[in-house]
Amino acid sequence: MNNLKKVVNIFYNKQFMLFILIGGINSIVTIIVSYIYSLLFEEVFSFILGYTTGTFISYILNSYITFKDELGIKKYVKFLISCIPNFITQLIIVWLVVEIFSWHKMIGYILAAAIGMPITFILLKLYVFIKKNE
């Protein structure tokens, strides 16, 4: 029961709600940008370009709003590293949805955006935006 309480405390707080809000904004940006890129390139490459754009915006918004921390090159590199598991997961989802299931690319982008948020939040909180008093 104690472990369940720890998990609930990680996700049931203002910081996680802000992360979800910013994640929603970032997801919309990533989806739109990926879709625009897909008018010029194939879907998986377009997703990579859209994800890269969204990740940069996400770093700035999460630094200032969610974690109330300063920007920095070292922190940005750690931010990018913490996004790798999420990126791989989302890339696989886009590939499966578009290439294997032949569903519309927008479904792939939306599903990919919705699945990785909790994992990314934990990685950012424990690896990038570490607060000594937490």
Protein backbone atom coordinates (compact mmCIF):
# COMPACT_ATOMS: atom_id res chain seq x y z
CA MET A 1 0.00 0.00 0.00
CA ASN A 2 2.90 2.34 0.73
CA ASN A 3 4.22 1.96 -2.85
CA LEU A 4 0.79 2.77 -4.24
CA LYS A 5 0.71 5.93 -2.14
CA LYS A 6 4.13 6.95 -3.51
CA VAL A 7 2.91 6.49 -7.07
CA VAL A 8 -0.23 8.49 -6.37
CA ASN A 9 1.87 11.28 -4.81
CA ILE A 10 4.07 11.44 -7.93
CA PHE A 11 1.12 11.97 -10.24
CA TYR A 12 -1.50 13.65 -8.09
CA ASN A 13 -0.04 17.11 -7.62
CA LYS A 14 0.11 20.56 -9.21
CA GLN A 15 3.44 19.88 -10.88
CA PHE A 16 2.15 16.85 -12.76
CA MET A 17 -1.02 18.72 -13.75
CA LEU A 18 1.13 21.53 -15.19
CA PHE A 19 3.22 18.91 -16.99
CA ILE A 20 0.06 17.42 -18.50
CA LEU A 21 -1.13 20.88 -19.59
CA ILE A 22 2.22 21.67 -21.19
CA GLY A 23 2.35 18.16 -22.59
CA GLY A 24 -1.03 18.79 -24.19
CA ILE A 25 0.21 22.04 -25.72
CA ASN A 26 3.40 20.32 -26.84
CA SER A 27 1.44 17.39 -28.25
CA ILE A 28 -0.76 19.70 -30.29
CA VAL A 29 2.33 21.51 -31.61
CA THR A 30 4.04 18.20 -32.40
CA ILE A 31 0.95 16.80 -34.12
CA ILE A 32 0.39 19.92 -36.23
CA VAL A 33 4.06 20.33 -37.13
CA SER A 34 4.38 16.60 -37.93
CA TYR A 35 1.31 16.81 -40.13
CA ILE A 36 2.68 19.86 -41.96
CA TYR A 37 6.02 18.10 -42.48
CA SER A 38 4.12 15.04 -43.77
CA LEU A 39 2.87 17.13 -46.67
CA LEU A 40 6.50 17.24 -47.82
CA PHE A 41 8.05 14.05 -46.42
CA GLU A 42 6.98 10.52 -45.45
CA GLU A 43 5.15 10.07 -42.13
CA VAL A 44 7.88 8.59 -39.92
CA PHE A 45 10.48 11.20 -40.95
CA SER A 46 7.84 13.91 -40.52
CA PHE A 47 7.16 12.63 -37.00
CA ILE A 48 10.88 12.83 -36.18
CA LEU A 49 11.01 16.46 -37.35
CA GLY A 50 7.80 17.31 -35.48
CA TYR A 51 8.98 15.60 -32.32
CA THR A 52 12.28 17.49 -32.44
CA THR A 53 10.46 20.81 -32.77
CA GLY A 54 8.06 19.91 -29.97
CA THR A 55 10.86 18.77 -27.68
CA PHE A 56 12.59 22.14 -27.88
CA ILE A 57 9.36 23.97 -27.04
CA SER A 58 8.64 21.47 -24.25
CA TYR A 59 12.05 22.07 -22.67
CA ILE A 60 11.46 25.82 -22.48
CA LEU A 61 7.89 25.55 -21.14
CA ASN A 62 8.65 22.80 -18.62
CA SER A 63 11.73 24.61 -17.37
CA TYR A 64 9.90 27.84 -16.66
CA ILE A 65 6.39 26.68 -15.78
CA THR A 66 6.39 23.09 -14.51
CA PHE A 67 9.72 22.81 -12.72
CA LYS A 68 10.47 26.54 -12.25
CA ASP A 69 14.10 26.13 -13.22
CA GLU A 70 16.62 28.01 -15.34
CA LEU A 71 17.56 27.05 -18.89
CA GLY A 72 21.01 25.64 -19.55
CA ILE A 73 22.90 23.61 -22.14
CA LYS A 74 23.76 20.79 -19.70
CA LYS A 75 20.14 20.62 -18.53
CA TYR A 76 18.89 20.66 -22.15
CA VAL A 77 21.16 17.71 -23.01
CA LYS A 78 19.82 15.80 -19.98
CA PHE A 79 16.30 16.75 -21.07
CA LEU A 80 16.94 15.32 -24.54
CA ILE A 81 18.41 12.11 -23.06
CA SER A 82 15.35 11.69 -20.83
CA CYS A 83 13.11 12.00 -23.90
CA ILE A 84 14.77 9.08 -25.74
CA PRO A 85 12.55 6.31 -24.24
CA ASN A 86 9.45 8.37 -25.02
CA PHE A 87 10.67 9.09 -28.54
CA ILE A 88 11.37 5.42 -29.27
CA THR A 89 7.94 4.43 -27.93
CA GLN A 90 6.19 7.11 -29.96
CA LEU A 91 8.16 6.31 -33.11
CA ILE A 92 7.15 2.66 -32.87
CA ILE A 93 3.50 3.66 -32.37
CA VAL A 94 3.54 5.94 -35.43
CA TRP A 95 5.20 3.23 -37.49
CA LEU A 96 2.73 0.55 -36.36
CA VAL A 97 -0.35 2.72 -36.87
CA VAL A 98 0.66 4.06 -40.29
CA GLU A 99 2.72 1.27 -41.85
CA ILE A 100 1.27 -1.89 -40.29
CA PHE A 101 -2.36 -1.03 -39.53
CA SER A 102 -2.69 1.49 -42.40
CA TRP A 103 -4.66 3.89 -40.23
CA HIS A 104 -4.63 7.60 -40.86
CA LYS A 105 -1.37 9.31 -39.89
CA MET A 106 -3.21 11.73 -37.60
CA ILE A 107 -4.36 8.77 -35.45
CA GLY A 108 -0.74 7.67 -35.18
CA TYR A 109 0.43 11.10 -34.13
CA ILE A 110 -2.34 11.46 -31.54
CA LEU A 111 -1.82 7.99 -30.03
CA ALA A 112 1.93 8.53 -29.91
CA ALA A 113 1.49 11.84 -28.12
CA ALA A 114 -0.89 10.40 -25.52
CA ILE A 115 1.07 7.32 -24.43
CA GLY A 116 4.47 8.50 -23.18
CA MET A 117 3.65 11.38 -20.80
CA PRO A 118 3.85 9.61 -17.40
CA ILE A 119 7.20 7.99 -18.21
CA THR A 120 8.63 11.26 -19.45
CA PHE A 121 7.42 13.11 -16.35
CA ILE A 122 9.18 10.67 -14.03
CA LEU A 123 12.42 10.84 -16.02
CA LEU A 124 12.36 14.64 -16.07
CA LYS A 125 11.60 14.88 -12.37
CA LEU A 126 14.25 12.36 -11.30
CA TYR A 127 16.98 13.10 -13.84
CA VAL A 128 16.71 16.64 -15.19
CA PHE A 129 14.87 18.89 -12.76
CA ILE A 130 16.15 17.49 -9.48
CA LYS A 131 15.32 19.53 -6.40
CA LYS A 132 17.43 18.88 -3.33
CA ASN A 133 14.51 19.33 -0.92
CA GLU A 134 12.28 16.71 -2.58
